Amino acid sequence: MKLKIVYFGASLAGKSTTVKKLYELLKVKGIAKGEFVSMETDEKRTLFVEMFLSSITIDGQTFEMKILTTPGQFRLHPLRKAIVQGVDGLVFVVDSHREREKINFLVMRETAAVLKEQGFDLYKLPVVVQYNKRDLPEALPVDELEPVCNPWGTRFVESVATEGIGVLESFSSIVKKVLSNYAEKGSV
């Protein structure tokens, strides 16, 4: 079975840093397959990051996972549409900085619209919220971020992606949610 996990969020929220750190952590464990691939714009901003993981066997079932990030820039909306096509689970990477609260919400709303166009309901997909940049002095308290950035009331993980803090936790949480979702449908 092949699974597609997409990390989405505002520009500069830490999606690429999270996925790159995840790749490094999984490579050490012998789980990551292939090289880390990142495509950037001329301004050195990420278009998308793609990483493949080797087959993972859980309870006798083998899974291959494809990990992608969406670009944060609104001008790359068409690329976001292509990346979320066929998604199995989402990790919403939230920039915890006080000044980024509104942009986090706008990206979530825009992602919901993109998914709706493709026949998905953002509120029915497996989602994990990753509150990134928790080490910043300007980071909003999680209880202030929750009403705006976690309308699902889903599991959240606090992270500092540059240090790898919370990266594996958010990944394992989304994998568990995706597999649970498939199990409920009788697909696993």
N, C-alpha and C. Protein backbone atom coordinates (compact mmCIF):
# COMPACT_ATOMS: atom_id res chain seq x y z
N MET A 1 0.85 -1.17 0.00
CA MET A 1 0.00 0.00 0.00
C MET A 1 0.89 1.24 0.00
N LYS A 2 0.53 2.22 -0.82
CA LYS A 2 1.29 3.47 -0.89
C LYS A 2 0.49 4.58 -0.21
N LEU A 3 1.19 5.36 0.61
CA LEU A 3 0.57 6.46 1.33
C LEU A 3 1.25 7.77 0.94
N LYS A 4 0.45 8.83 0.89
CA LYS A 4 0.98 10.16 0.56
C LYS A 4 0.68 11.10 1.72
N ILE A 5 1.76 11.63 2.30
CA ILE A 5 1.66 12.57 3.42
C ILE A 5 2.16 13.92 2.92
N VAL A 6 1.37 14.96 3.14
CA VAL A 6 1.74 16.30 2.70
C VAL A 6 1.84 17.23 3.90
N TYR A 7 2.96 17.93 3.97
CA TYR A 7 3.18 18.97 4.98
C TYR A 7 2.79 20.29 4.33
N PHE A 8 1.85 21.02 4.94
CA PHE A 8 1.42 22.31 4.39
C PHE A 8 1.50 23.37 5.46
N GLY A 9 1.50 24.61 5.03
CA GLY A 9 1.57 25.72 5.96
C GLY A 9 2.05 26.97 5.25
N ALA A 10 2.14 28.04 5.98
CA ALA A 10 2.54 29.34 5.42
C ALA A 10 4.00 29.31 4.98
N SER A 11 4.32 30.23 4.12
CA SER A 11 5.70 30.43 3.70
C SER A 11 6.57 30.69 4.92
N LEU A 12 7.71 30.04 4.98
CA LEU A 12 8.69 30.19 6.07
C LEU A 12 8.23 29.61 7.41
N ALA A 13 7.19 28.79 7.42
CA ALA A 13 6.71 28.18 8.68
C ALA A 13 7.63 27.07 9.17
N GLY A 14 8.40 26.49 8.25
CA GLY A 14 9.32 25.41 8.62
C GLY A 14 8.98 24.06 8.03
N LYS A 15 8.18 24.05 6.97
CA LYS A 15 7.81 22.78 6.33
C LYS A 15 9.04 22.06 5.77
N SER A 16 9.82 22.77 4.98
CA SER A 16 11.01 22.16 4.37
C SER A 16 12.02 21.74 5.42
N THR A 17 12.22 22.57 6.42
CA THR A 17 13.15 22.24 7.50
C THR A 17 12.67 20.99 8.23
N THR A 18 11.37 20.89 8.47
CA THR A 18 10.81 19.72 9.14
C THR A 18 11.07 18.46 8.33
N VAL A 19 10.75 18.51 7.04
CA VAL A 19 10.88 17.32 6.20
C VAL A 19 12.36 16.94 6.01
N LYS A 20 13.21 17.94 5.87
CA LYS A 20 14.64 17.64 5.74
C LYS A 20 15.17 16.99 7.03
N LYS A 21 14.78 17.51 8.17
CA LYS A 21 15.20 16.93 9.46
C LYS A 21 14.62 15.52 9.61
N LEU A 22 13.36 15.33 9.20
CA LEU A 22 12.74 14.01 9.24
C LEU A 22 13.54 13.03 8.40
N TYR A 23 13.91 13.45 7.20
CA TYR A 23 14.72 12.61 6.32
C TYR A 23 16.03 12.20 7.02
N GLU A 24 16.70 13.17 7.62
CA GLU A 24 17.97 12.88 8.30
C GLU A 24 17.77 11.88 9.44
N LEU A 25 16.72 12.08 10.22
CA LEU A 25 16.45 11.20 11.34
C LEU A 25 16.10 9.78 10.88
N LEU A 26 15.33 9.68 9.81
CA LEU A 26 14.94 8.37 9.29
C LEU A 26 16.08 7.69 8.55
N LYS A 27 16.94 8.47 7.93
CA LYS A 27 18.11 7.92 7.23
C LYS A 27 19.02 7.21 8.24
N VAL A 28 19.22 7.83 9.39
CA VAL A 28 20.05 7.24 10.46
C VAL A 28 19.45 5.90 10.90
N LYS A 29 18.12 5.81 10.92
CA LYS A 29 17.44 4.58 11.33
C LYS A 29 17.37 3.56 10.20
N GLY A 30 17.85 3.93 9.00
CA GLY A 30 17.82 3.02 7.86
C GLY A 30 16.45 2.92 7.20
N ILE A 31 15.58 3.88 7.47
CA ILE A 31 14.22 3.84 6.94
C ILE A 31 14.07 4.67 5.67
N ALA A 32 14.78 5.78 5.55
CA ALA A 32 14.66 6.64 4.38
C ALA A 32 15.29 5.97 3.17
N LYS A 33 14.65 6.14 2.04
CA LYS A 33 15.09 5.53 0.80
C LYS A 33 15.43 6.64 -0.19
N GLY A 34 16.54 6.50 -0.89
CA GLY A 34 16.90 7.49 -1.90
C GLY A 34 17.46 8.75 -1.28
N GLU A 35 17.60 9.74 -2.12
CA GLU A 35 18.14 11.03 -1.70
C GLU A 35 17.03 12.00 -1.39
N PHE A 36 17.35 12.99 -0.60
CA PHE A 36 16.42 14.08 -0.29
C PHE A 36 16.37 14.99 -1.51
N VAL A 37 15.18 15.26 -2.02
CA VAL A 37 15.01 16.08 -3.21
C VAL A 37 14.29 17.36 -2.83
N SER A 38 14.85 18.49 -3.22
CA SER A 38 14.24 19.79 -2.95
C SER A 38 14.34 20.64 -4.20
N MET A 39 13.22 21.20 -4.62
CA MET A 39 13.21 22.10 -5.78
C MET A 39 12.93 23.50 -5.28
N GLU A 40 13.80 24.44 -5.67
CA GLU A 40 13.67 25.81 -5.19
C GLU A 40 13.44 26.78 -6.34
N THR A 41 12.85 27.93 -6.01
CA THR A 41 12.67 29.01 -6.97
C THR A 41 14.00 29.76 -7.11
N ASP A 42 14.05 30.72 -7.99
CA ASP A 42 15.25 31.54 -8.17
C ASP A 42 15.58 32.31 -6.89
N GLU A 43 14.56 32.60 -6.07
CA GLU A 43 14.78 33.34 -4.82
C GLU A 43 15.17 32.42 -3.67
N LYS A 44 15.52 31.17 -3.99
CA LYS A 44 15.90 30.17 -2.99
C LYS A 44 14.76 29.83 -2.04
N ARG A 45 13.54 29.92 -2.52
CA ARG A 45 12.36 29.52 -1.77
C ARG A 45 11.93 28.15 -2.30
N THR A 46 11.44 27.31 -1.45
CA THR A 46 11.11 25.94 -1.84
C THR A 46 9.83 25.89 -2.67
N LEU A 47 9.91 25.23 -3.83
CA LEU A 47 8.71 24.93 -4.61
C LEU A 47 8.02 23.72 -3.98
N PHE A 48 8.77 22.64 -3.86
CA PHE A 48 8.29 21.49 -3.11
C PHE A 48 9.46 20.61 -2.75
N VAL A 49 9.27 19.84 -1.72
CA VAL A 49 10.26 18.88 -1.27
C VAL A 49 9.62 17.51 -1.40
N GLU A 50 10.36 16.57 -1.88
CA GLU A 50 9.83 15.23 -2.02
C GLU A 50 10.83 14.26 -1.42
N MET A 51 10.33 13.32 -0.67
CA MET A 51 11.19 12.32 -0.06
C MET A 51 10.45 11.00 -0.08
N PHE A 52 11.13 9.97 -0.44
CA PHE A 52 10.52 8.64 -0.40
C PHE A 52 11.08 7.88 0.79
N LEU A 53 10.26 7.11 1.42
CA LEU A 53 10.70 6.23 2.50
C LEU A 53 10.69 4.81 1.99
N SER A 54 11.55 3.99 2.53
CA SER A 54 11.53 2.59 2.14
C SER A 54 10.26 1.94 2.67
N SER A 55 10.04 0.75 2.23
CA SER A 55 8.88 0.01 2.71
C SER A 55 8.98 -0.18 4.22
N ILE A 56 7.87 0.03 4.88
CA ILE A 56 7.78 -0.17 6.33
C ILE A 56 6.72 -1.23 6.56
N THR A 57 7.03 -2.20 7.38
CA THR A 57 6.07 -3.25 7.68
C THR A 57 5.56 -3.07 9.10
N ILE A 58 4.24 -2.97 9.21
CA ILE A 58 3.57 -2.83 10.50
C ILE A 58 2.50 -3.90 10.57
N ASP A 59 2.58 -4.73 11.58
CA ASP A 59 1.61 -5.82 11.76
C ASP A 59 1.42 -6.64 10.48
N GLY A 60 2.52 -6.93 9.80
CA GLY A 60 2.46 -7.77 8.61
C GLY A 60 2.05 -7.06 7.33
N GLN A 61 1.70 -5.80 7.41
CA GLN A 61 1.29 -5.02 6.23
C GLN A 61 2.44 -4.10 5.83
N THR A 62 2.78 -4.09 4.54
CA THR A 62 3.88 -3.25 4.05
C THR A 62 3.34 -1.96 3.45
N PHE A 63 3.97 -0.86 3.84
CA PHE A 63 3.56 0.47 3.38
C PHE A 63 4.75 1.20 2.78
N GLU A 64 4.51 1.90 1.70
CA GLU A 64 5.50 2.82 1.16
C GLU A 64 4.90 4.21 1.31
N MET A 65 5.73 5.15 1.72
CA MET A 65 5.23 6.51 1.95
C MET A 65 5.97 7.52 1.10
N LYS A 66 5.20 8.44 0.58
CA LYS A 66 5.74 9.56 -0.18
C LYS A 66 5.45 10.81 0.64
N ILE A 67 6.49 11.57 0.92
CA ILE A 67 6.36 12.77 1.74
C ILE A 67 6.61 13.98 0.86
N LEU A 68 5.71 14.96 0.92
CA LEU A 68 5.84 16.19 0.14
C LEU A 68 5.54 17.39 1.00
N THR A 69 6.03 18.54 0.56
CA THR A 69 5.61 19.80 1.17
C THR A 69 4.96 20.63 0.09
N THR A 70 4.02 21.47 0.49
CA THR A 70 3.45 22.42 -0.46
C THR A 70 4.27 23.72 -0.37
N PRO A 71 4.31 24.47 -1.45
CA PRO A 71 4.96 25.78 -1.36
C PRO A 71 4.08 26.71 -0.52
N GLY A 72 4.69 27.59 0.23
CA GLY A 72 3.92 28.50 1.07
C GLY A 72 3.46 29.75 0.34
N GLN A 73 4.15 30.10 -0.74
CA GLN A 73 3.82 31.33 -1.45
C GLN A 73 2.46 31.20 -2.15
N PHE A 74 1.61 32.20 -1.98
CA PHE A 74 0.27 32.15 -2.57
C PHE A 74 0.32 32.14 -4.10
N ARG A 75 1.36 32.70 -4.69
CA ARG A 75 1.46 32.74 -6.15
C ARG A 75 1.66 31.34 -6.75
N LEU A 76 2.00 30.37 -5.90
CA LEU A 76 2.22 29.01 -6.39
C LEU A 76 1.01 28.11 -6.13
N HIS A 77 -0.16 28.72 -6.04
CA HIS A 77 -1.42 28.01 -5.81
C HIS A 77 -1.61 26.81 -6.75
N PRO A 78 -1.37 26.95 -8.06
CA PRO A 78 -1.57 25.79 -8.95
C PRO A 78 -0.69 24.59 -8.58
N LEU A 79 0.51 24.85 -8.13
CA LEU A 79 1.40 23.76 -7.72
C LEU A 79 0.86 23.09 -6.46
N ARG A 80 0.32 23.86 -5.54
CA ARG A 80 -0.29 23.29 -4.33
C ARG A 80 -1.41 22.32 -4.69
N LYS A 81 -2.21 22.71 -5.67
CA LYS A 81 -3.32 21.85 -6.10
C LYS A 81 -2.80 20.48 -6.56
N ALA A 82 -1.73 20.50 -7.33
CA ALA A 82 -1.17 19.25 -7.84
C ALA A 82 -0.58 18.40 -6.72
N ILE A 83 0.07 19.04 -5.78
CA ILE A 83 0.74 18.30 -4.69
C ILE A 83 -0.27 17.61 -3.78
N VAL A 84 -1.39 18.24 -3.46
CA VAL A 84 -2.34 17.63 -2.52
C VAL A 84 -3.24 16.59 -3.18
N GLN A 85 -3.16 16.46 -4.48
CA GLN A 85 -3.99 15.47 -5.17
C GLN A 85 -3.68 14.06 -4.65
N GLY A 86 -4.68 13.35 -4.22
CA GLY A 86 -4.52 11.99 -3.74
C GLY A 86 -3.89 11.86 -2.36
N VAL A 87 -3.94 12.92 -1.57
CA VAL A 87 -3.32 12.93 -0.25
C VAL A 87 -4.05 11.98 0.71
N ASP A 88 -3.27 11.34 1.57
CA ASP A 88 -3.84 10.45 2.59
C ASP A 88 -3.85 11.10 3.97
N GLY A 89 -2.91 12.02 4.21
CA GLY A 89 -2.83 12.69 5.50
C GLY A 89 -2.04 13.98 5.39
N LEU A 90 -2.36 14.92 6.28
CA LEU A 90 -1.74 16.24 6.25
C LEU A 90 -1.13 16.59 7.60
N VAL A 91 0.02 17.26 7.53
CA VAL A 91 0.61 17.86 8.72
C VAL A 91 0.60 19.36 8.47
N PHE A 92 -0.13 20.09 9.32
CA PHE A 92 -0.23 21.53 9.22
C PHE A 92 0.89 22.13 10.07
N VAL A 93 1.92 22.65 9.40
CA VAL A 93 3.05 23.25 10.10
C VAL A 93 2.72 24.72 10.33
N VAL A 94 2.59 25.09 11.58
CA VAL A 94 2.18 26.43 11.99
C VAL A 94 3.39 27.20 12.49
N ASP A 95 3.57 28.39 11.96
CA ASP A 95 4.61 29.30 12.47
C ASP A 95 4.06 29.92 13.74
N SER A 96 4.67 29.63 14.87
CA SER A 96 4.17 30.09 16.17
C SER A 96 4.39 31.57 16.44
N HIS A 97 5.12 32.24 15.59
CA HIS A 97 5.42 33.66 15.81
C HIS A 97 4.12 34.47 15.83
N ARG A 98 4.02 35.36 16.79
CA ARG A 98 2.83 36.19 16.99
C ARG A 98 2.38 36.88 15.70
N GLU A 99 3.30 37.40 14.92
CA GLU A 99 2.96 38.15 13.71
C GLU A 99 2.47 37.26 12.56
N ARG A 100 2.55 35.94 12.71
CA ARG A 100 2.18 35.02 11.63
C ARG A 100 0.81 34.36 11.84
N GLU A 101 0.10 34.75 12.88
CA GLU A 101 -1.18 34.11 13.19
C GLU A 101 -2.18 34.21 12.04
N LYS A 102 -2.31 35.38 11.45
CA LYS A 102 -3.29 35.56 10.37
C LYS A 102 -2.91 34.77 9.12
N ILE A 103 -1.63 34.78 8.76
CA ILE A 103 -1.21 34.04 7.56
C ILE A 103 -1.39 32.54 7.75
N ASN A 104 -1.19 32.03 8.97
CA ASN A 104 -1.45 30.61 9.23
C ASN A 104 -2.91 30.28 8.92
N PHE A 105 -3.81 31.10 9.39
CA PHE A 105 -5.23 30.89 9.16
C PHE A 105 -5.57 30.95 7.67
N LEU A 106 -5.02 31.94 6.96
CA LEU A 106 -5.30 32.09 5.53
C LEU A 106 -4.82 30.88 4.73
N VAL A 107 -3.67 30.35 5.07
CA VAL A 107 -3.16 29.16 4.38
C VAL A 107 -4.04 27.95 4.66
N MET A 108 -4.50 27.80 5.89
CA MET A 108 -5.39 26.70 6.22
C MET A 108 -6.69 26.81 5.41
N ARG A 109 -7.25 28.00 5.35
CA ARG A 109 -8.49 28.23 4.60
C ARG A 109 -8.30 27.95 3.11
N GLU A 110 -7.18 28.40 2.57
CA GLU A 110 -6.90 28.19 1.15
C GLU A 110 -6.68 26.71 0.86
N THR A 111 -6.03 26.00 1.75
CA THR A 111 -5.82 24.57 1.57
C THR A 111 -7.14 23.83 1.61
N ALA A 112 -8.03 24.23 2.50
CA ALA A 112 -9.37 23.62 2.56
C ALA A 112 -10.10 23.81 1.23
N ALA A 113 -9.97 24.99 0.62
CA ALA A 113 -10.62 25.27 -0.67
C ALA A 113 -10.03 24.40 -1.78
N VAL A 114 -8.72 24.25 -1.78
CA VAL A 114 -8.06 23.40 -2.79
C VAL A 114 -8.54 21.96 -2.66
N LEU A 115 -8.60 21.47 -1.43
CA LEU A 115 -9.05 20.09 -1.21
C LEU A 115 -10.52 19.92 -1.59
N LYS A 116 -11.34 20.90 -1.30
CA LYS A 116 -12.76 20.83 -1.65
C LYS A 116 -12.93 20.72 -3.16
N GLU A 117 -12.13 21.47 -3.91
CA GLU A 117 -12.17 21.39 -5.38
C GLU A 117 -11.89 19.98 -5.87
N GLN A 118 -11.09 19.23 -5.10
CA GLN A 118 -10.71 17.87 -5.49
C GLN A 118 -11.60 16.81 -4.86
N GLY A 119 -12.65 17.24 -4.17
CA GLY A 119 -13.59 16.30 -3.59
C GLY A 119 -13.25 15.84 -2.18
N PHE A 120 -12.24 16.46 -1.58
CA PHE A 120 -11.86 16.13 -0.20
C PHE A 120 -12.49 17.13 0.76
N ASP A 121 -12.65 16.71 1.99
CA ASP A 121 -13.08 17.60 3.05
C ASP A 121 -11.94 17.65 4.06
N LEU A 122 -11.34 18.83 4.22
CA LEU A 122 -10.21 18.99 5.13
C LEU A 122 -10.54 18.51 6.54
N TYR A 123 -11.80 18.59 6.92
CA TYR A 123 -12.19 18.19 8.26
C TYR A 123 -12.39 16.69 8.40
N LYS A 124 -12.32 15.96 7.28
CA LYS A 124 -12.46 14.50 7.35
C LYS A 124 -11.15 13.78 7.06
N LEU A 125 -10.16 14.51 6.61
CA LEU A 125 -8.85 13.92 6.36
C LEU A 125 -8.06 13.82 7.67
N PRO A 126 -7.19 12.82 7.77
CA PRO A 126 -6.31 12.77 8.94
C PRO A 126 -5.36 13.98 8.93
N VAL A 127 -5.33 14.71 10.02
CA VAL A 127 -4.48 15.91 10.13
C VAL A 127 -3.81 15.92 11.50
N VAL A 128 -2.56 16.35 11.51
CA VAL A 128 -1.84 16.62 12.74
C VAL A 128 -1.33 18.06 12.62
N VAL A 129 -1.44 18.81 13.69
CA VAL A 129 -0.96 20.19 13.71
C VAL A 129 0.41 20.20 14.40
N GLN A 130 1.38 20.82 13.73
CA GLN A 130 2.73 20.94 14.29
C GLN A 130 3.01 22.41 14.55
N TYR A 131 2.99 22.80 15.81
CA TYR A 131 3.31 24.19 16.18
C TYR A 131 4.82 24.34 16.20
N ASN A 132 5.35 24.96 15.17
CA ASN A 132 6.79 25.08 15.00
C ASN A 132 7.32 26.39 15.59
N LYS A 133 8.62 26.46 15.73
CA LYS A 133 9.34 27.64 16.23
C LYS A 133 8.95 27.97 17.68
N ARG A 134 8.77 26.93 18.46
CA ARG A 134 8.38 27.12 19.86
C ARG A 134 9.50 27.73 20.70
N ASP A 135 10.70 27.78 20.15
CA ASP A 135 11.83 28.35 20.87
C ASP A 135 11.90 29.87 20.78
N LEU A 136 11.08 30.48 19.93
CA LEU A 136 11.12 31.93 19.76
C LEU A 136 10.48 32.64 20.95
N PRO A 137 11.07 33.74 21.40
CA PRO A 137 10.47 34.49 22.51
C PRO A 137 9.10 35.07 22.12
N GLU A 138 8.86 35.29 20.82
CA GLU A 138 7.58 35.85 20.35
C GLU A 138 6.54 34.77 20.04
N ALA A 139 6.84 33.52 20.36
CA ALA A 139 5.91 32.43 20.06
C ALA A 139 4.64 32.60 20.89
N LEU A 140 3.51 32.51 20.21
CA LEU A 140 2.22 32.57 20.91
C LEU A 140 2.03 31.32 21.76
N PRO A 141 1.38 31.44 22.88
CA PRO A 141 1.07 30.23 23.66
C PRO A 141 0.14 29.32 22.85
N VAL A 142 0.31 28.03 23.01
CA VAL A 142 -0.48 27.06 22.25
C VAL A 142 -1.97 27.29 22.46
N ASP A 143 -2.39 27.64 23.68
CA ASP A 143 -3.83 27.84 23.92
C ASP A 143 -4.39 29.03 23.12
N GLU A 144 -3.53 29.95 22.69
CA GLU A 144 -3.98 31.04 21.81
C GLU A 144 -3.98 30.60 20.35
N LEU A 145 -3.10 29.70 19.98
CA LEU A 145 -3.02 29.20 18.60
C LEU A 145 -4.13 28.20 18.29
N GLU A 146 -4.49 27.41 19.28
CA GLU A 146 -5.45 26.32 19.07
C GLU A 146 -6.77 26.74 18.41
N PRO A 147 -7.47 27.78 18.89
CA PRO A 147 -8.76 28.12 18.26
C PRO A 147 -8.63 28.54 16.79
N VAL A 148 -7.51 29.11 16.43
CA VAL A 148 -7.30 29.60 15.06
C VAL A 148 -6.74 28.51 14.16
N CYS A 149 -5.81 27.72 14.66
CA CYS A 149 -5.04 26.80 13.82
C CYS A 149 -5.39 25.33 13.98
N ASN A 150 -6.29 25.00 14.88
CA ASN A 150 -6.66 23.60 15.06
C ASN A 150 -8.17 23.44 15.21
N PRO A 151 -8.91 23.79 14.16
CA PRO A 151 -10.36 23.64 14.24
C PRO A 151 -10.81 22.18 14.32
N TRP A 152 -9.91 21.25 14.03
CA TRP A 152 -10.22 19.83 14.11
C TRP A 152 -10.23 19.36 15.55
N GLY A 153 -9.53 20.09 16.43
CA GLY A 153 -9.34 19.61 17.79
C GLY A 153 -8.48 18.36 17.78
N THR A 154 -7.61 18.26 16.78
CA THR A 154 -6.79 17.07 16.59
C THR A 154 -5.51 17.14 17.42
N ARG A 155 -4.78 16.08 17.38
CA ARG A 155 -3.49 16.02 18.08
C ARG A 155 -2.58 17.11 17.55
N PHE A 156 -1.85 17.74 18.46
CA PHE A 156 -0.84 18.70 18.03
C PHE A 156 0.48 18.34 18.67
N VAL A 157 1.55 18.80 18.01
CA VAL A 157 2.90 18.57 18.50
C VAL A 157 3.61 19.91 18.49
N GLU A 158 4.32 20.21 19.56
CA GLU A 158 5.14 21.41 19.59
C GLU A 158 6.52 21.04 19.04
N SER A 159 7.08 21.94 18.21
CA SER A 159 8.35 21.59 17.58
C SER A 159 9.31 22.76 17.46
N VAL A 160 10.55 22.39 17.30
CA VAL A 160 11.62 23.29 16.88
C VAL A 160 12.32 22.49 15.79
N ALA A 161 11.85 22.63 14.56
CA ALA A 161 12.30 21.78 13.46
C ALA A 161 13.80 21.86 13.22
N THR A 162 14.38 23.03 13.40
CA THR A 162 15.82 23.18 13.18
C THR A 162 16.64 22.26 14.09
N GLU A 163 16.07 21.92 15.24
CA GLU A 163 16.76 21.05 16.20
C GLU A 163 16.21 19.62 16.17
N GLY A 164 15.20 19.38 15.35
CA GLY A 164 14.60 18.05 15.27
C GLY A 164 13.58 17.77 16.36
N ILE A 165 13.31 18.74 17.21
CA ILE A 165 12.36 18.56 18.31
C ILE A 165 10.93 18.49 17.75
N GLY A 166 10.23 17.42 18.05
CA GLY A 166 8.84 17.25 17.63
C GLY A 166 8.66 16.70 16.22
N VAL A 167 9.73 16.60 15.45
CA VAL A 167 9.63 16.18 14.04
C VAL A 167 9.17 14.73 13.91
N LEU A 168 9.83 13.82 14.62
CA LEU A 168 9.41 12.41 14.56
C LEU A 168 8.03 12.21 15.18
N GLU A 169 7.72 12.98 16.22
CA GLU A 169 6.43 12.84 16.88
C GLU A 169 5.28 13.21 15.94
N SER A 170 5.42 14.31 15.20
CA SER A 170 4.34 14.69 14.29
C SER A 170 4.23 13.69 13.14
N PHE A 171 5.36 13.19 12.67
CA PHE A 171 5.33 12.19 11.59
C PHE A 171 4.66 10.90 12.06
N SER A 172 5.07 10.38 13.21
CA SER A 172 4.46 9.14 13.68
C SER A 172 2.98 9.33 13.99
N SER A 173 2.61 10.52 14.45
CA SER A 173 1.19 10.80 14.73
C SER A 173 0.36 10.78 13.45
N ILE A 174 0.87 11.37 12.38
CA ILE A 174 0.08 11.39 11.14
C ILE A 174 0.03 10.00 10.52
N VAL A 175 1.10 9.25 10.60
CA VAL A 175 1.08 7.88 10.07
C VAL A 175 0.04 7.05 10.81
N LYS A 176 0.00 7.15 12.15
CA LYS A 176 -0.99 6.42 12.93
C LYS A 176 -2.41 6.83 12.55
N LYS A 177 -2.64 8.14 12.36
CA LYS A 177 -3.98 8.62 12.00
C LYS A 177 -4.39 8.12 10.61
N VAL A 178 -3.46 8.13 9.66
CA VAL A 178 -3.76 7.65 8.31
C VAL A 178 -4.09 6.17 8.34
N LEU A 179 -3.28 5.38 9.04
CA LEU A 179 -3.52 3.95 9.11
C LEU A 179 -4.82 3.64 9.83
N SER A 180 -5.13 4.40 10.87
CA SER A 180 -6.39 4.22 11.58
C SER A 180 -7.57 4.55 10.66
N ASN A 181 -7.42 5.60 9.86
CA ASN A 181 -8.45 5.99 8.90
C ASN A 181 -8.70 4.86 7.89
N TYR A 182 -7.63 4.28 7.39
CA TYR A 182 -7.78 3.15 6.44
C TYR A 182 -8.40 1.94 7.12
N ALA A 183 -8.01 1.69 8.36
CA ALA A 183 -8.56 0.55 9.09
C ALA A 183 -10.07 0.70 9.29
N GLU A 184 -10.51 1.94 9.59
CA GLU A 184 -11.95 2.21 9.77
C GLU A 184 -12.72 1.96 8.47
N LYS A 185 -12.08 2.23 7.35
CA LYS A 185 -12.71 2.02 6.03
C LYS A 185 -12.60 0.57 5.58
N GLY A 186 -11.80 -0.23 6.32
CA GLY A 186 -11.60 -1.62 5.94
C GLY A 186 -10.61 -1.79 4.81
N SER A 187 -9.76 -0.78 4.59
CA SER A 187 -8.79 -0.84 3.49
C SER A 187 -7.45 -1.43 3.90
N VAL A 188 -7.22 -1.62 5.20
CA VAL A 188 -5.93 -2.16 5.66
C VAL A 188 -6.15 -3.56 6.16
